[in-house]
Amino acid sequence: MSEEWGFAPPPFKADEALQRLRRELREAGLTEREGRFERKAQVLARAALSDDGAVLRVAVVKKPARTPEWQELTLKDAAQVRAFVTDLKRKLTQWSDRDD
């Protein structure tokens, strides 16, 4: 049985999503420099619009290091952006616990 609700989610506006993402990562304690987000002089995440401006291209380190290994993602809707922020905040908490 298929349920049809009769409406679609709002279109994804990558530029607005990037602004929200930047704000949330700064609120999480990261410092932004040229599309990179760092804590204690270690880059932990990157975020930028794709070449066509339709999606967000983000990357997060697998673990903090001088030469990090990056896990790259393409975010195509608001739900993916929220999931990315939630996951990054969880990782920040884990990394902080390990640093203390």
PDB file of N, CA and C in Angstrom:
ATOM      1  N   MET A   1       0.844  -1.163   0.000  1.00  0.00           N
ATOM      2  CA  MET A   1       0.000   0.000   0.000  1.00  0.00           C
ATOM      3  C   MET A   1       0.900   1.241   0.000  1.00  0.00           C
ATOM      4  N   SER A   2       0.718   2.113  -0.944  1.00  0.00           N
ATOM      5  CA  SER A   2       1.509   3.321  -1.090  1.00  0.00           C
ATOM      6  C   SER A   2       0.739   4.516  -0.535  1.00  0.00           C
ATOM      7  N   GLU A   3       1.388   5.251   0.372  1.00  0.00           N
ATOM      8  CA  GLU A   3       0.761   6.455   0.904  1.00  0.00           C
ATOM      9  C   GLU A   3       1.338   7.658   0.194  1.00  0.00           C
ATOM     10  N   GLU A   4       0.501   8.467  -0.353  1.00  0.00           N
ATOM     11  CA  GLU A   4       0.902   9.675  -1.048  1.00  0.00           C
ATOM     12  C   GLU A   4       0.438  10.864  -0.216  1.00  0.00           C
ATOM     13  N   TRP A   5       1.358  11.659   0.269  1.00  0.00           N
ATOM     14  CA  TRP A   5       1.018  12.781   1.127  1.00  0.00           C
ATOM     15  C   TRP A   5       0.674  14.037   0.331  1.00  0.00           C
ATOM     16  N   GLY A   6       1.046  14.096  -0.908  1.00  0.00           N
ATOM     17  CA  GLY A   6       0.685  15.223  -1.737  1.00  0.00           C
ATOM     18  C   GLY A   6       1.601  16.428  -1.637  1.00  0.00           C
ATOM     19  N   PHE A   7       2.773  16.266  -1.031  1.00  0.00           N
ATOM     20  CA  PHE A   7       3.721  17.375  -1.004  1.00  0.00           C
ATOM     21  C   PHE A   7       5.141  16.821  -1.073  1.00  0.00           C
ATOM     22  N   ALA A   8       6.042  17.672  -1.505  1.00  0.00           N
ATOM     23  CA  ALA A   8       7.445  17.295  -1.625  1.00  0.00           C
ATOM     24  C   ALA A   8       8.260  18.141  -0.656  1.00  0.00           C
ATOM     25  N   PRO A   9       9.416  17.642  -0.237  1.00  0.00           N
ATOM     26  CA  PRO A   9      10.260  18.457   0.631  1.00  0.00           C
ATOM     27  C   PRO A   9      10.730  19.706  -0.121  1.00  0.00           C
ATOM     28  N   PRO A  10      11.068  20.754   0.596  1.00  0.00           N
ATOM     29  CA  PRO A  10      11.533  21.966  -0.082  1.00  0.00           C
ATOM     30  C   PRO A  10      12.833  21.685  -0.831  1.00  0.00           C
ATOM     31  N   PRO A  11      13.091  22.422  -1.892  1.00  0.00           N
ATOM     32  CA  PRO A  11      14.327  22.194  -2.647  1.00  0.00           C
ATOM     33  C   PRO A  11      15.552  22.495  -1.787  1.00  0.00           C
ATOM     34  N   PHE A  12      16.618  21.751  -2.015  1.00  0.00           N
ATOM     35  CA  PHE A  12      17.854  21.922  -1.257  1.00  0.00           C
ATOM     36  C   PHE A  12      18.610  23.130  -1.801  1.00  0.00           C
ATOM     37  N   LYS A  13      18.904  24.057  -0.926  1.00  0.00           N
ATOM     38  CA  LYS A  13      19.674  25.247  -1.287  1.00  0.00           C
ATOM     39  C   LYS A  13      21.044  25.108  -0.650  1.00  0.00           C
ATOM     40  N   ALA A  14      22.008  24.672  -1.451  1.00  0.00           N
ATOM     41  CA  ALA A  14      23.335  24.342  -0.934  1.00  0.00           C
ATOM     42  C   ALA A  14      24.026  25.552  -0.313  1.00  0.00           C
ATOM     43  N   ASP A  15      23.853  26.733  -0.887  1.00  0.00           N
ATOM     44  CA  ASP A  15      24.522  27.905  -0.332  1.00  0.00           C
ATOM     45  C   ASP A  15      23.999  28.241   1.064  1.00  0.00           C
ATOM     46  N   GLU A  16      22.691  28.129   1.272  1.00  0.00           N
ATOM     47  CA  GLU A  16      22.125  28.362   2.598  1.00  0.00           C
ATOM     48  C   GLU A  16      22.540  27.263   3.569  1.00  0.00           C
ATOM     49  N   ALA A  17      22.604  26.036   3.084  1.00  0.00           N
ATOM     50  CA  ALA A  17      23.029  24.916   3.928  1.00  0.00           C
ATOM     51  C   ALA A  17      24.477  25.093   4.366  1.00  0.00           C
ATOM     52  N   LEU A  18      25.317  25.618   3.483  1.00  0.00           N
ATOM     53  CA  LEU A  18      26.718  25.858   3.835  1.00  0.00           C
ATOM     54  C   LEU A  18      26.810  26.908   4.938  1.00  0.00           C
ATOM     55  N   GLN A  19      26.008  27.952   4.866  1.00  0.00           N
ATOM     56  CA  GLN A  19      26.012  28.980   5.904  1.00  0.00           C
ATOM     57  C   GLN A  19      25.577  28.395   7.252  1.00  0.00           C
ATOM     58  N   ARG A  20      24.528  27.562   7.241  1.00  0.00           N
ATOM     59  CA  ARG A  20      24.079  26.916   8.483  1.00  0.00           C
ATOM     60  C   ARG A  20      25.160  25.993   9.030  1.00  0.00           C
ATOM     61  N   LEU A  21      25.797  25.231   8.134  1.00  0.00           N
ATOM     62  CA  LEU A  21      26.858  24.307   8.542  1.00  0.00           C
ATOM     63  C   LEU A  21      28.004  25.076   9.190  1.00  0.00           C
ATOM     64  N   ARG A  22      28.436  26.155   8.576  1.00  0.00           N
ATOM     65  CA  ARG A  22      29.516  26.974   9.152  1.00  0.00           C
ATOM     66  C   ARG A  22      29.139  27.464  10.551  1.00  0.00           C
ATOM     67  N   ARG A  23      27.928  27.965  10.696  1.00  0.00           N
ATOM     68  CA  ARG A  23      27.471  28.484  11.983  1.00  0.00           C
ATOM     69  C   ARG A  23      27.467  27.375  13.042  1.00  0.00           C
ATOM     70  N   GLU A  24      26.944  26.210  12.696  1.00  0.00           N
ATOM     71  CA  GLU A  24      26.874  25.109  13.659  1.00  0.00           C
ATOM     72  C   GLU A  24      28.254  24.607  14.063  1.00  0.00           C
ATOM     73  N   LEU A  25      29.193  24.561  13.117  1.00  0.00           N
ATOM     74  CA  LEU A  25      30.536  24.091  13.451  1.00  0.00           C
ATOM     75  C   LEU A  25      31.281  25.110  14.311  1.00  0.00           C
ATOM     76  N   ARG A  26      31.039  26.392  14.068  1.00  0.00           N
ATOM     77  CA  ARG A  26      31.640  27.407  14.951  1.00  0.00           C
ATOM     78  C   ARG A  26      31.045  27.310  16.352  1.00  0.00           C
ATOM     79  N   GLU A  27      29.742  27.063  16.434  1.00  0.00           N
ATOM     80  CA  GLU A  27      29.100  26.897  17.745  1.00  0.00           C
ATOM     81  C   GLU A  27      29.617  25.663  18.469  1.00  0.00           C
ATOM     82  N   ALA A  28      30.095  24.674  17.717  1.00  0.00           N
ATOM     83  CA  ALA A  28      30.644  23.452  18.312  1.00  0.00           C
ATOM     84  C   ALA A  28      32.083  23.653  18.789  1.00  0.00           C
ATOM     85  N   GLY A  29      32.617  24.863  18.609  1.00  0.00           N
ATOM     86  CA  GLY A  29      33.949  25.154  19.118  1.00  0.00           C
ATOM     87  C   GLY A  29      35.059  25.111  18.096  1.00  0.00           C
ATOM     88  N   LEU A  30      34.721  24.984  16.820  1.00  0.00           N
ATOM     89  CA  LEU A  30      35.739  24.949  15.783  1.00  0.00           C
ATOM     90  C   LEU A  30      35.984  26.355  15.236  1.00  0.00           C
ATOM     91  N   THR A  31      37.186  26.584  14.772  1.00  0.00           N
ATOM     92  CA  THR A  31      37.563  27.844  14.163  1.00  0.00           C
ATOM     93  C   THR A  31      37.608  27.650  12.658  1.00  0.00           C
ATOM     94  N   GLU A  32      37.006  28.583  11.919  1.00  0.00           N
ATOM     95  CA  GLU A  32      36.972  28.457  10.458  1.00  0.00           C
ATOM     96  C   GLU A  32      38.077  29.298   9.835  1.00  0.00           C
ATOM     97  N   ARG A  33      38.791  28.688   8.893  1.00  0.00           N
ATOM     98  CA  ARG A  33      39.801  29.389   8.105  1.00  0.00           C
ATOM     99  C   ARG A  33      39.741  28.865   6.682  1.00  0.00           C
ATOM    100  N   GLU A  34      39.247  29.694   5.781  1.00  0.00           N
ATOM    101  CA  GLU A  34      39.207  29.388   4.345  1.00  0.00           C
ATOM    102  C   GLU A  34      38.532  28.047   4.049  1.00  0.00           C
ATOM    103  N   GLY A  35      37.387  27.804   4.643  1.00  0.00           N
ATOM    104  CA  GLY A  35      36.654  26.579   4.371  1.00  0.00           C
ATOM    105  C   GLY A  35      37.107  25.371   5.158  1.00  0.00           C
ATOM    106  N   ARG A  36      38.112  25.567   6.015  1.00  0.00           N
ATOM    107  CA  ARG A  36      38.590  24.480   6.879  1.00  0.00           C
ATOM    108  C   ARG A  36      38.210  24.808   8.309  1.00  0.00           C
ATOM    109  N   PHE A  37      37.887  23.785   9.059  1.00  0.00           N
ATOM    110  CA  PHE A  37      37.491  23.965  10.458  1.00  0.00           C
ATOM    111  C   PHE A  37      38.490  23.245  11.330  1.00  0.00           C
ATOM    112  N   GLU A  38      39.023  23.968  12.303  1.00  0.00           N
ATOM    113  CA  GLU A  38      40.095  23.391  13.118  1.00  0.00           C
ATOM    114  C   GLU A  38      39.869  23.655  14.592  1.00  0.00           C
ATOM    115  N   ARG A  39      40.564  22.859  15.377  1.00  0.00           N
ATOM    116  CA  ARG A  39      40.589  23.016  16.828  1.00  0.00           C
ATOM    117  C   ARG A  39      42.014  22.751  17.276  1.00  0.00           C
ATOM    118  N   LYS A  40      42.541  23.650  18.082  1.00  0.00           N
ATOM    119  CA  LYS A  40      43.912  23.538  18.580  1.00  0.00           C
ATOM    120  C   LYS A  40      44.899  23.368  17.435  1.00  0.00           C
ATOM    121  N   ALA A  41      44.724  24.159  16.385  1.00  0.00           N
ATOM    122  CA  ALA A  41      45.611  24.201  15.212  1.00  0.00           C
ATOM    123  C   ALA A  41      45.627  22.899  14.401  1.00  0.00           C
ATOM    124  N   GLN A  42      44.661  22.040  14.603  1.00  0.00           N
ATOM    125  CA  GLN A  42      44.549  20.825  13.795  1.00  0.00           C
ATOM    126  C   GLN A  42      43.266  20.892  12.974  1.00  0.00           C
ATOM    127  N   VAL A  43      43.404  20.756  11.668  1.00  0.00           N
ATOM    128  CA  VAL A  43      42.241  20.782  10.791  1.00  0.00           C
ATOM    129  C   VAL A  43      41.463  19.488  10.972  1.00  0.00           C
ATOM    130  N   LEU A  44      40.136  19.632  11.219  1.00  0.00           N
ATOM    131  CA  LEU A  44      39.291  18.469  11.472  1.00  0.00           C
ATOM    132  C   LEU A  44      38.221  18.271  10.403  1.00  0.00           C
ATOM    133  N   ALA A  45      37.851  19.336   9.700  1.00  0.00           N
ATOM    134  CA  ALA A  45      36.785  19.225   8.704  1.00  0.00           C
ATOM    135  C   ALA A  45      36.978  20.292   7.629  1.00  0.00           C
ATOM    136  N   ARG A  46      36.394  20.024   6.461  1.00  0.00           N
ATOM    137  CA  ARG A  46      36.379  20.981   5.353  1.00  0.00           C
ATOM    138  C   ARG A  46      34.968  21.009   4.800  1.00  0.00           C
ATOM    139  N   ALA A  47      34.591  22.159   4.241  1.00  0.00           N
ATOM    140  CA  ALA A  47      33.266  22.277   3.627  1.00  0.00           C
ATOM    141  C   ALA A  47      33.329  23.312   2.512  1.00  0.00           C
ATOM    142  N   ALA A  48      32.687  22.980   1.376  1.00  0.00           N
ATOM    143  CA  ALA A  48      32.636  23.899   0.241  1.00  0.00           C
ATOM    144  C   ALA A  48      31.478  23.504  -0.664  1.00  0.00           C
ATOM    145  N   LEU A  49      31.049  24.453  -1.470  1.00  0.00           N
ATOM    146  CA  LEU A  49      30.039  24.157  -2.482  1.00  0.00           C
ATOM    147  C   LEU A  49      30.697  23.386  -3.615  1.00  0.00           C
ATOM    148  N   SER A  50      29.927  22.560  -4.291  1.00  0.00           N
ATOM    149  CA  SER A  50      30.435  21.874  -5.477  1.00  0.00           C
ATOM    150  C   SER A  50      30.633  22.903  -6.581  1.00  0.00           C
ATOM    151  N   ASP A  51      31.279  22.513  -7.669  1.00  0.00           N
ATOM    152  CA  ASP A  51      31.546  23.435  -8.775  1.00  0.00           C
ATOM    153  C   ASP A  51      30.267  24.026  -9.347  1.00  0.00           C
ATOM    154  N   ASP A  52      29.211  23.226  -9.403  1.00  0.00           N
ATOM    155  CA  ASP A  52      27.949  23.734  -9.948  1.00  0.00           C
ATOM    156  C   ASP A  52      27.065  24.382  -8.884  1.00  0.00           C
ATOM    157  N   GLY A  53      27.468  24.317  -7.609  1.00  0.00           N
ATOM    158  CA  GLY A  53      26.735  24.961  -6.526  1.00  0.00           C
ATOM    159  C   GLY A  53      25.470  24.240  -6.101  1.00  0.00           C
ATOM    160  N   ALA A  54      25.290  23.004  -6.541  1.00  0.00           N
ATOM    161  CA  ALA A  54      24.059  22.273  -6.239  1.00  0.00           C
ATOM    162  C   ALA A  54      24.150  21.429  -4.972  1.00  0.00           C
ATOM    163  N   VAL A  55      25.353  21.045  -4.575  1.00  0.00           N
ATOM    164  CA  VAL A  55      25.541  20.183  -3.406  1.00  0.00           C
ATOM    165  C   VAL A  55      26.714  20.695  -2.571  1.00  0.00           C
ATOM    166  N   LEU A  56      26.823  20.182  -1.357  1.00  0.00           N
ATOM    167  CA  LEU A  56      27.949  20.493  -0.486  1.00  0.00           C
ATOM    168  C   LEU A  56      28.956  19.356  -0.546  1.00  0.00           C
ATOM    169  N   ARG A  57      30.210  19.725  -0.653  1.00  0.00           N
ATOM    170  CA  ARG A  57      31.287  18.737  -0.574  1.00  0.00           C
ATOM    171  C   ARG A  57      31.972  18.957   0.764  1.00  0.00           C
ATOM    172  N   VAL A  58      31.932  17.952   1.616  1.00  0.00           N
ATOM    173  CA  VAL A  58      32.526  18.046   2.942  1.00  0.00           C
ATOM    174  C   VAL A  58      33.505  16.902   3.143  1.00  0.00           C
ATOM    175  N   ALA A  59      34.367  17.084   4.114  1.00  0.00           N
ATOM    176  CA  ALA A  59      35.308  16.027   4.481  1.00  0.00           C
ATOM    177  C   ALA A  59      35.583  16.157   5.973  1.00  0.00           C
ATOM    178  N   VAL A  60      35.805  15.039   6.600  1.00  0.00           N
ATOM    179  CA  VAL A  60      36.141  15.003   8.020  1.00  0.00           C
ATOM    180  C   VAL A  60      37.308  14.030   8.193  1.00  0.00           C
ATOM    181  N   VAL A  61      38.189  14.344   9.140  1.00  0.00           N
ATOM    182  CA  VAL A  61      39.325  13.459   9.373  1.00  0.00           C
ATOM    183  C   VAL A  61      38.848  12.197  10.078  1.00  0.00           C
ATOM    184  N   LYS A  62      39.528  11.093   9.814  1.00  0.00           N
ATOM    185  CA  LYS A  62      39.178   9.858  10.519  1.00  0.00           C
ATOM    186  C   LYS A  62      39.603   9.956  11.974  1.00  0.00           C
ATOM    187  N   LYS A  63      40.773  10.609  12.214  1.00  0.00           N
ATOM    188  CA  LYS A  63      41.205  10.937  13.566  1.00  0.00           C
ATOM    189  C   LYS A  63      42.201  12.085  13.449  1.00  0.00           C
ATOM    190  N   PRO A  64      42.255  12.945  14.455  1.00  0.00           N
ATOM    191  CA  PRO A  64      43.168  14.091  14.397  1.00  0.00           C
ATOM    192  C   PRO A  64      44.617  13.636  14.274  1.00  0.00           C
ATOM    193  N   ALA A  65      45.339  14.248  13.353  1.00  0.00           N
ATOM    194  CA  ALA A  65      46.751  13.923  13.135  1.00  0.00           C
ATOM    195  C   ALA A  65      47.395  15.065  12.354  1.00  0.00           C
ATOM    196  N   ARG A  66      48.707  15.106  12.353  1.00  0.00           N
ATOM    197  CA  ARG A  66      49.415  16.144  11.584  1.00  0.00           C
ATOM    198  C   ARG A  66      49.155  15.975  10.082  1.00  0.00           C
ATOM    199  N   THR A  67      49.112  14.744   9.616  1.00  0.00           N
ATOM    200  CA  THR A  67      48.776  14.461   8.218  1.00  0.00           C
ATOM    201  C   THR A  67      47.531  13.569   8.231  1.00  0.00           C
ATOM    202  N   PRO A  68      46.363  14.199   8.263  1.00  0.00           N
ATOM    203  CA  PRO A  68      45.127  13.426   8.447  1.00  0.00           C
ATOM    204  C   PRO A  68      44.711  12.636   7.213  1.00  0.00           C
ATOM    205  N   GLU A  69      43.961  11.591   7.483  1.00  0.00           N
ATOM    206  CA  GLU A  69      43.320  10.812   6.427  1.00  0.00           C
ATOM    207  C   GLU A  69      41.878  11.294   6.369  1.00  0.00           C
ATOM    208  N   TRP A  70      41.428  11.724   5.178  1.00  0.00           N
ATOM    209  CA  TRP A  70      40.128  12.353   5.027  1.00  0.00           C
ATOM    210  C   TRP A  70      39.062  11.380   4.572  1.00  0.00           C
ATOM    211  N   GLN A  71      37.877  11.576   5.087  1.00  0.00           N
ATOM    212  CA  GLN A  71      36.687  10.849   4.635  1.00  0.00           C
ATOM    213  C   GLN A  71      35.794  11.897   3.973  1.00  0.00           C
ATOM    214  N   GLU A  72      35.663  11.816   2.649  1.00  0.00           N
ATOM    215  CA  GLU A  72      34.918  12.823   1.899  1.00  0.00           C
ATOM    216  C   GLU A  72      33.479  12.384   1.660  1.00  0.00           C
ATOM    217  N   LEU A  73      32.567  13.355   1.711  1.00  0.00           N
ATOM    218  CA  LEU A  73      31.137  13.107   1.523  1.00  0.00           C
ATOM    219  C   LEU A  73      30.543  14.186   0.635  1.00  0.00           C
ATOM    220  N   THR A  74      29.459  13.843  -0.038  1.00  0.00           N
ATOM    221  CA  THR A  74      28.668  14.805  -0.796  1.00  0.00           C
ATOM    222  C   THR A  74      27.294  14.858  -0.151  1.00  0.00           C
ATOM    223  N   LEU A  75      26.898  16.049   0.268  1.00  0.00           N
ATOM    224  CA  LEU A  75      25.613  16.233   0.945  1.00  0.00           C
ATOM    225  C   LEU A  75      24.627  16.846  -0.034  1.00  0.00           C
ATOM    226  N   LYS A  76      23.501  16.142  -0.241  1.00  0.00           N
ATOM    227  CA  LYS A  76      22.540  16.553  -1.258  1.00  0.00           C
ATOM    228  C   LYS A  76      21.210  17.030  -0.703  1.00  0.00           C
ATOM    229  N   ASP A  77      21.027  16.937   0.621  1.00  0.00           N
ATOM    230  CA  ASP A  77      19.782  17.436   1.210  1.00  0.00           C
ATOM    231  C   ASP A  77      20.015  17.810   2.669  1.00  0.00           C
ATOM    232  N   ALA A  78      19.034  18.473   3.238  1.00  0.00           N
ATOM    233  CA  ALA A  78      19.160  18.990   4.602  1.00  0.00           C
ATOM    234  C   ALA A  78      19.346  17.864   5.623  1.00  0.00           C
ATOM    235  N   ALA A  79      18.726  16.725   5.398  1.00  0.00           N
ATOM    236  CA  ALA A  79      18.860  15.604   6.331  1.00  0.00           C
ATOM    237  C   ALA A  79      20.305  15.112   6.386  1.00  0.00           C
ATOM    238  N   GLN A  80      20.978  15.070   5.244  1.00  0.00           N
ATOM    239  CA  GLN A  80      22.373  14.649   5.223  1.00  0.00           C
ATOM    240  C   GLN A  80      23.263  15.661   5.929  1.00  0.00           C
ATOM    241  N   VAL A  81      22.951  16.945   5.802  1.00  0.00           N
ATOM    242  CA  VAL A  81      23.718  17.986   6.497  1.00  0.00           C
ATOM    243  C   VAL A  81      23.557  17.827   8.003  1.00  0.00           C
ATOM    244  N   ARG A  82      22.329  17.630   8.464  1.00  0.00           N
ATOM    245  CA  ARG A  82      22.096  17.425   9.899  1.00  0.00           C
ATOM    246  C   ARG A  82      22.827  16.194  10.408  1.00  0.00           C
ATOM    247  N   ALA A  83      22.796  15.113   9.643  1.00  0.00           N
ATOM    248  CA  ALA A  83      23.484  13.884  10.052  1.00  0.00           C
ATOM    249  C   ALA A  83      24.997  14.111  10.126  1.00  0.00           C
ATOM    250  N   PHE A  84      25.542  14.862   9.168  1.00  0.00           N
ATOM    251  CA  PHE A  84      26.973  15.156   9.172  1.00  0.00           C
ATOM    252  C   PHE A  84      27.351  15.947  10.425  1.00  0.00           C
ATOM    253  N   VAL A  85      26.578  16.979  10.748  1.00  0.00           N
ATOM    254  CA  VAL A  85      26.859  17.804  11.922  1.00  0.00           C
ATOM    255  C   VAL A  85      26.769  16.967  13.200  1.00  0.00           C
ATOM    256  N   THR A  86      25.745  16.150  13.306  1.00  0.00           N
ATOM    257  CA  THR A  86      25.573  15.297  14.481  1.00  0.00           C
ATOM    258  C   THR A  86      26.753  14.348  14.643  1.00  0.00           C
ATOM    259  N   ASP A  87      27.161  13.727  13.543  1.00  0.00           N
ATOM    260  CA  ASP A  87      28.287  12.792  13.581  1.00  0.00           C
ATOM    261  C   ASP A  87      29.588  13.511  13.950  1.00  0.00           C
ATOM    262  N   LEU A  88      29.802  14.685  13.381  1.00  0.00           N
ATOM    263  CA  LEU A  88      31.022  15.428  13.685  1.00  0.00           C
ATOM    264  C   LEU A  88      31.042  15.860  15.149  1.00  0.00           C
ATOM    265  N   LYS A  89      29.921  16.299  15.682  1.00  0.00           N
ATOM    266  CA  LYS A  89      29.867  16.679  17.094  1.00  0.00           C
ATOM    267  C   LYS A  89      30.166  15.478  17.992  1.00  0.00           C
ATOM    268  N   ARG A  90      29.668  14.305  17.611  1.00  0.00           N
ATOM    269  CA  ARG A  90      29.955  13.089  18.377  1.00  0.00           C
ATOM    270  C   ARG A  90      31.454  12.798  18.354  1.00  0.00           C
ATOM    271  N   LYS A  91      32.063  12.932  17.179  1.00  0.00           N
ATOM    272  CA  LYS A  91      33.506  12.691  17.065  1.00  0.00           C
ATOM    273  C   LYS A  91      34.300  13.713  17.871  1.00  0.00           C
ATOM    274  N   LEU A  92      33.872  14.974  17.846  1.00  0.00           N
ATOM    275  CA  LEU A  92      34.563  16.003  18.620  1.00  0.00           C
ATOM    276  C   LEU A  92      34.559  15.660  20.100  1.00  0.00           C
ATOM    277  N   THR A  93      33.427  15.166  20.582  1.00  0.00           N
ATOM    278  CA  THR A  93      33.325  14.760  21.977  1.00  0.00           C
ATOM    279  C   THR A  93      34.293  13.617  22.279  1.00  0.00           C
ATOM    280  N   GLN A  94      34.345  12.625  21.402  1.00  0.00           N
ATOM    281  CA  GLN A  94      35.258  11.498  21.604  1.00  0.00           C
ATOM    282  C   GLN A  94      36.709  11.961  21.590  1.00  0.00           C
ATOM    283  N   TRP A  95      37.050  12.833  20.637  1.00  0.00           N
ATOM    284  CA  TRP A  95      38.421  13.313  20.547  1.00  0.00           C
ATOM    285  C   TRP A  95      38.775  14.158  21.754  1.00  0.00           C
ATOM    286  N   SER A  96      37.838  14.935  22.282  1.00  0.00           N
ATOM    287  CA  SER A  96      38.100  15.750  23.472  1.00  0.00           C
ATOM    288  C   SER A  96      38.340  14.862  24.675  1.00  0.00           C
ATOM    289  N   ASP A  97      37.544  13.811  24.810  1.00  0.00           N
ATOM    290  CA  ASP A  97      37.724  12.891  25.933  1.00  0.00           C
ATOM    291  C   ASP A  97      39.087  12.238  25.891  1.00  0.00           C
ATOM    292  N   ARG A  98      39.553  11.912  24.706  1.00  0.00           N
ATOM    293  CA  ARG A  98      40.840  11.264  24.561  1.00  0.00           C
ATOM    294  C   ARG A  98      41.984  12.245  24.851  1.00  0.00           C
ATOM    295  N   ASP A  99      41.772  13.533  24.535  1.00  0.00           N
ATOM    296  CA  ASP A  99      42.796  14.555  24.756  1.00  0.00           C
ATOM    297  C   ASP A  99      42.982  14.878  26.234  1.00  0.00           C
ATOM    298  N   ASP A 100      41.904  14.756  27.010  1.00  0.00           N
ATOM    299  CA  ASP A 100      41.963  15.140  28.434  1.00  0.00           C
ATOM    300  C   ASP A 100      42.736  14.168  29.283  1.00  0.00           C
TER     301      ASP A 100
END
